[in-house]
Protein backbone atom coordinates (compact mmCIF):
# COMPACT_ATOMS: atom_id res chain seq x y z
CA UNK A 1 0.00 0.00 0.00
CA UNK A 2 1.27 3.48 -0.85
CA UNK A 3 -0.01 7.03 -0.56
CA UNK A 4 0.23 9.27 -3.64
CA UNK A 5 -1.21 12.61 -4.72
CA UNK A 6 -2.90 13.66 -7.96
CA UNK A 7 -2.26 16.91 -9.86
CA UNK A 8 -4.64 18.80 -7.55
CA UNK A 9 -2.89 17.64 -4.38
CA UNK A 10 -5.65 15.21 -3.40
CA UNK A 11 -4.30 12.07 -1.72
CA UNK A 12 -5.35 8.56 -2.70
CA UNK A 13 -4.17 5.11 -1.72
CA UNK A 14 -2.86 2.41 -4.08
CA UNK A 15 -3.47 -1.11 -2.82
CA UNK A 16 -0.82 -3.49 -4.09
CA UNK A 17 -2.90 -6.64 -3.95
CA UNK A 18 -0.82 -8.32 -6.63
CA UNK A 19 2.04 -8.71 -4.14
CA UNK A 20 -0.18 -10.82 -1.91
CA UNK A 21 -1.22 -13.15 -4.71
CA UNK A 22 0.88 -16.13 -5.61
CA UNK A 23 1.26 -16.70 -9.31
CA UNK A 24 0.37 -20.26 -10.26
CA UNK A 25 2.93 -22.04 -12.38
CA UNK A 26 3.46 -25.43 -13.95
CA UNK A 27 1.19 -28.26 -12.90
CA UNK A 28 -0.80 -26.13 -10.46
CA UNK A 29 -1.65 -23.64 -13.22
CA UNK A 30 -2.71 -26.48 -15.54
CA UNK A 31 -4.92 -27.98 -12.84
CA UNK A 32 -6.53 -24.60 -12.13
CA UNK A 33 -7.27 -24.05 -15.83
CA UNK A 34 -8.72 -27.55 -16.19
CA UNK A 35 -10.91 -26.96 -13.13
CA UNK A 36 -12.30 -23.75 -14.66
CA UNK A 37 -13.14 -25.48 -17.94
CA UNK A 38 -14.67 -28.51 -16.20
CA UNK A 39 -16.84 -26.24 -14.07
CA UNK A 40 -18.45 -24.88 -17.24
CA UNK A 41 -18.80 -28.42 -18.59
CA UNK A 42 -20.50 -29.63 -15.40
CA UNK A 43 -23.08 -26.86 -15.65
CA UNK A 44 -24.21 -28.27 -19.00
CA UNK A 45 -23.85 -31.96 -18.17
CA UNK A 46 -27.34 -32.30 -16.68
CA UNK A 47 -28.96 -30.73 -19.76
CA UNK A 48 -27.46 -33.25 -22.21
CA UNK A 49 -29.60 -35.71 -24.15
CA UNK A 50 -33.33 -36.34 -24.65
CA UNK A 51 -33.91 -36.47 -20.89
CA UNK A 52 -31.70 -33.46 -20.19
CA UNK A 53 -33.10 -30.88 -17.81
CA UNK A 54 -33.81 -27.28 -18.76
CA UNK A 55 -31.95 -24.43 -17.08
CA UNK A 56 -33.63 -21.28 -15.82
CA UNK A 57 -31.42 -18.25 -16.41
CA UNK A 58 -32.17 -14.80 -15.01
CA UNK A 59 -30.41 -11.78 -16.54
CA UNK A 60 -29.40 -8.71 -14.52
CA UNK A 61 -32.50 -7.01 -15.96
CA UNK A 62 -34.73 -9.74 -14.57
CA UNK A 63 -35.41 -11.38 -17.94
CA UNK A 64 -35.99 -15.13 -17.55
CA UNK A 65 -34.76 -17.66 -20.12
CA UNK A 66 -35.60 -21.37 -19.90
CA UNK A 67 -33.60 -23.60 -22.23
CA UNK A 68 -31.39 -26.68 -22.47
CA UNK A 69 -29.50 -25.44 -25.52
CA UNK A 70 -25.81 -25.32 -24.66
CA UNK A 71 -24.98 -22.26 -26.76
CA UNK A 72 -27.87 -20.28 -25.25
CA UNK A 73 -26.96 -21.24 -21.67
CA UNK A 74 -23.31 -20.28 -22.10
CA UNK A 75 -24.20 -17.09 -23.93
CA UNK A 76 -26.34 -16.01 -20.97
CA UNK A 77 -23.63 -16.85 -18.42
CA UNK A 78 -21.15 -14.18 -17.34
CA UNK A 79 -17.91 -16.18 -17.65
CA UNK A 80 -14.79 -14.25 -16.61
CA UNK A 81 -12.07 -16.91 -16.57
CA UNK A 82 -10.16 -16.93 -19.87
CA UNK A 83 -9.91 -20.72 -20.12
CA UNK A 84 -13.59 -21.10 -19.27
CA UNK A 85 -14.29 -18.55 -22.03
CA UNK A 86 -12.72 -21.00 -24.48
CA UNK A 87 -15.48 -23.48 -23.63
CA UNK A 88 -18.05 -20.79 -24.40
CA UNK A 89 -16.35 -20.05 -27.72
CA UNK A 90 -16.23 -23.79 -28.47
CA UNK A 91 -20.00 -24.03 -28.05
CA UNK A 92 -20.57 -20.92 -30.16
CA UNK A 93 -18.33 -22.28 -32.91
CA UNK A 94 -20.25 -25.57 -32.91
CA UNK A 95 -23.52 -23.63 -33.15
CA UNK A 96 -22.32 -21.55 -36.11
CA UNK A 97 -20.73 -24.42 -38.03
CA UNK A 98 -23.18 -27.26 -37.34
CA UNK A 99 -26.19 -25.77 -35.58
CA UNK A 100 -26.49 -28.69 -33.16
CA UNK A 101 -24.44 -30.50 -30.53
CA UNK A 102 -23.60 -27.35 -28.58
CA UNK A 103 -24.05 -29.13 -25.25
CA UNK A 104 -22.37 -32.38 -26.24
CA UNK A 105 -19.20 -30.75 -27.52
CA UNK A 106 -18.65 -28.92 -24.20
CA UNK A 107 -19.39 -32.02 -22.11
CA UNK A 108 -17.03 -34.06 -24.29
CA UNK A 109 -14.29 -31.44 -23.90
CA UNK A 110 -14.80 -31.50 -20.13
CA UNK A 111 -14.50 -35.30 -20.09
CA UNK A 112 -11.28 -35.17 -22.12
CA UNK A 113 -9.83 -32.58 -19.75
CA UNK A 114 -10.76 -34.79 -16.78
CA UNK A 115 -8.74 -37.63 -18.27
CA UNK A 116 -5.93 -35.25 -19.21
CA UNK A 117 -5.65 -34.14 -15.58
CA UNK A 118 -5.16 -37.74 -14.48
CA UNK A 119 -2.35 -38.13 -17.02
CA UNK A 120 -0.75 -34.87 -15.88
CA UNK A 121 -0.75 -36.16 -12.31
CA UNK A 122 1.21 -39.20 -13.54
CA UNK A 123 3.91 -36.89 -14.88
CA UNK A 124 3.05 -37.09 -18.58
CA UNK A 125 3.84 -33.87 -20.45
CA UNK A 126 0.92 -31.82 -21.77
CA UNK A 127 2.29 -31.94 -25.33
CA UNK A 128 2.35 -35.75 -25.27
CA UNK A 129 -1.23 -35.78 -24.01
CA UNK A 130 -2.32 -33.44 -26.82
CA UNK A 131 -0.54 -35.63 -29.38
CA UNK A 132 -2.36 -38.65 -27.97
CA UNK A 133 -5.72 -36.91 -28.31
CA UNK A 134 -4.97 -36.04 -31.94
CA UNK A 135 -4.01 -39.63 -32.72
CA UNK A 136 -7.17 -40.88 -31.00
CA UNK A 137 -9.19 -38.40 -33.09
CA UNK A 138 -7.70 -39.80 -36.31
CA UNK A 139 -8.59 -43.34 -35.21
CA UNK A 140 -12.16 -42.28 -34.40
CA UNK A 141 -12.60 -40.58 -37.78
CA UNK A 142 -11.36 -43.70 -39.61
CA UNK A 143 -13.77 -45.88 -37.62
CA UNK A 144 -16.69 -43.56 -38.32
CA UNK A 145 -15.88 -43.70 -42.05
CA UNK A 146 -15.90 -47.50 -41.86
CA UNK A 147 -19.30 -47.78 -40.17
CA UNK A 148 -20.95 -44.84 -41.95
CA UNK A 149 -23.81 -45.43 -44.39
CA UNK A 150 -25.08 -43.50 -47.40
CA UNK A 151 -28.65 -42.24 -47.17
CA UNK A 152 -30.39 -41.58 -50.47
CA UNK A 153 -32.90 -38.72 -50.53
CA UNK A 154 -34.46 -36.23 -52.89
CA UNK A 155 -37.30 -33.77 -53.18
CA UNK A 156 -39.65 -36.69 -53.76
CA UNK A 157 -38.14 -38.74 -50.94
CA UNK A 158 -37.79 -36.59 -47.82
CA UNK A 159 -38.39 -39.40 -45.30
CA UNK A 160 -34.69 -39.87 -44.39
CA UNK A 161 -34.25 -36.11 -43.99
CA UNK A 162 -37.28 -35.87 -41.68
CA UNK A 163 -35.96 -38.70 -39.50
CA UNK A 164 -32.58 -36.99 -39.29
CA UNK A 165 -34.15 -33.65 -38.37
CA UNK A 166 -36.33 -35.32 -35.73
CA UNK A 167 -33.27 -36.68 -33.92
CA UNK A 168 -32.04 -33.11 -33.36
CA UNK A 169 -35.36 -32.07 -31.82
CA UNK A 170 -35.69 -34.86 -29.25
CA UNK A 171 -34.09 -32.80 -26.47
CA UNK A 172 -35.76 -29.50 -27.35
CA UNK A 173 -38.85 -28.00 -25.76
CA UNK A 174 -40.75 -28.62 -29.02
CA UNK A 175 -40.09 -32.38 -28.97
CA UNK A 176 -43.81 -33.23 -28.76
CA UNK A 177 -44.24 -31.56 -32.15
CA UNK A 178 -40.95 -32.79 -33.59
CA UNK A 179 -42.49 -34.57 -36.58
CA UNK A 180 -44.32 -31.49 -37.87
CA UNK A 181 -41.40 -29.21 -36.96
CA UNK A 182 -38.98 -31.53 -38.78
CA UNK A 183 -41.17 -31.45 -41.89
CA UNK A 184 -41.26 -27.63 -41.82
CA UNK A 185 -37.48 -27.49 -41.47
CA UNK A 186 -36.86 -29.99 -44.28
CA UNK A 187 -39.25 -28.23 -46.67
CA UNK A 188 -37.61 -24.88 -45.88
CA UNK A 189 -34.13 -26.23 -46.59
CA UNK A 190 -35.15 -28.05 -49.78
CA UNK A 191 -36.83 -24.91 -51.12
CA UNK A 192 -33.44 -23.15 -51.25
CA UNK A 193 -31.12 -26.16 -51.62
CA UNK A 194 -29.07 -26.87 -54.73
CA UNK A 195 -29.07 -30.67 -54.64
CA UNK A 196 -26.78 -30.98 -57.66
CA UNK A 197 -24.05 -28.94 -55.95
CA UNK A 198 -25.02 -30.26 -52.48
CA UNK A 199 -25.15 -26.69 -51.22
CA UNK A 200 -27.65 -24.77 -49.09
CA UNK A 201 -27.74 -21.00 -48.66
CA UNK A 202 -29.29 -20.61 -45.21
CA UNK A 203 -29.35 -16.82 -45.66
CA UNK A 204 -32.34 -17.36 -47.93
CA UNK A 205 -34.38 -18.90 -45.09
CA UNK A 206 -36.23 -16.26 -43.10
CA UNK A 207 -38.39 -16.65 -40.00
CA UNK A 208 -41.43 -14.46 -39.61
CA UNK A 209 -43.37 -13.65 -36.46
């Protein structure tokens, strides 16, 4: 603590709190960062899947939001920790690129970090752990390519598309109307889709009301 004066001669006190804080380094810093990320993951864990529970979020203005969508929950949360913010950005990226799986991707990341912490405690270097995760990812992708199947569809055969769309609505609040909602979504996409190029311009889909 020190006493200084401004240009008008008024005194004010500077509190040097930083001197009292111990800077985390090495393994302790890694564990603290993993804990922050896992805390965010645990918040979403109970909202995952068809039987996932909704979260009630209250904004500083008193506005109430009830949802189990991962991107929405994290967007409403005031996350300050920089590593925890990465989990929020991960969910937002998943939402922008895919439009689904915003909860699952954060829970999966939290589970991977939980296992990574155990490996760190055994003395394995973080770079080796990251390399292991990348190799495991390559193995998973190859396996998915082996077991994947081709689904034929067209404007006259939208059944497979409806079934696919319905699977993404099972955990939403509209799940009791998922068949009709899936049909609306499929018809909207097909109306602007270029099936020959396998391309969809979602900017052409507008919601009214």
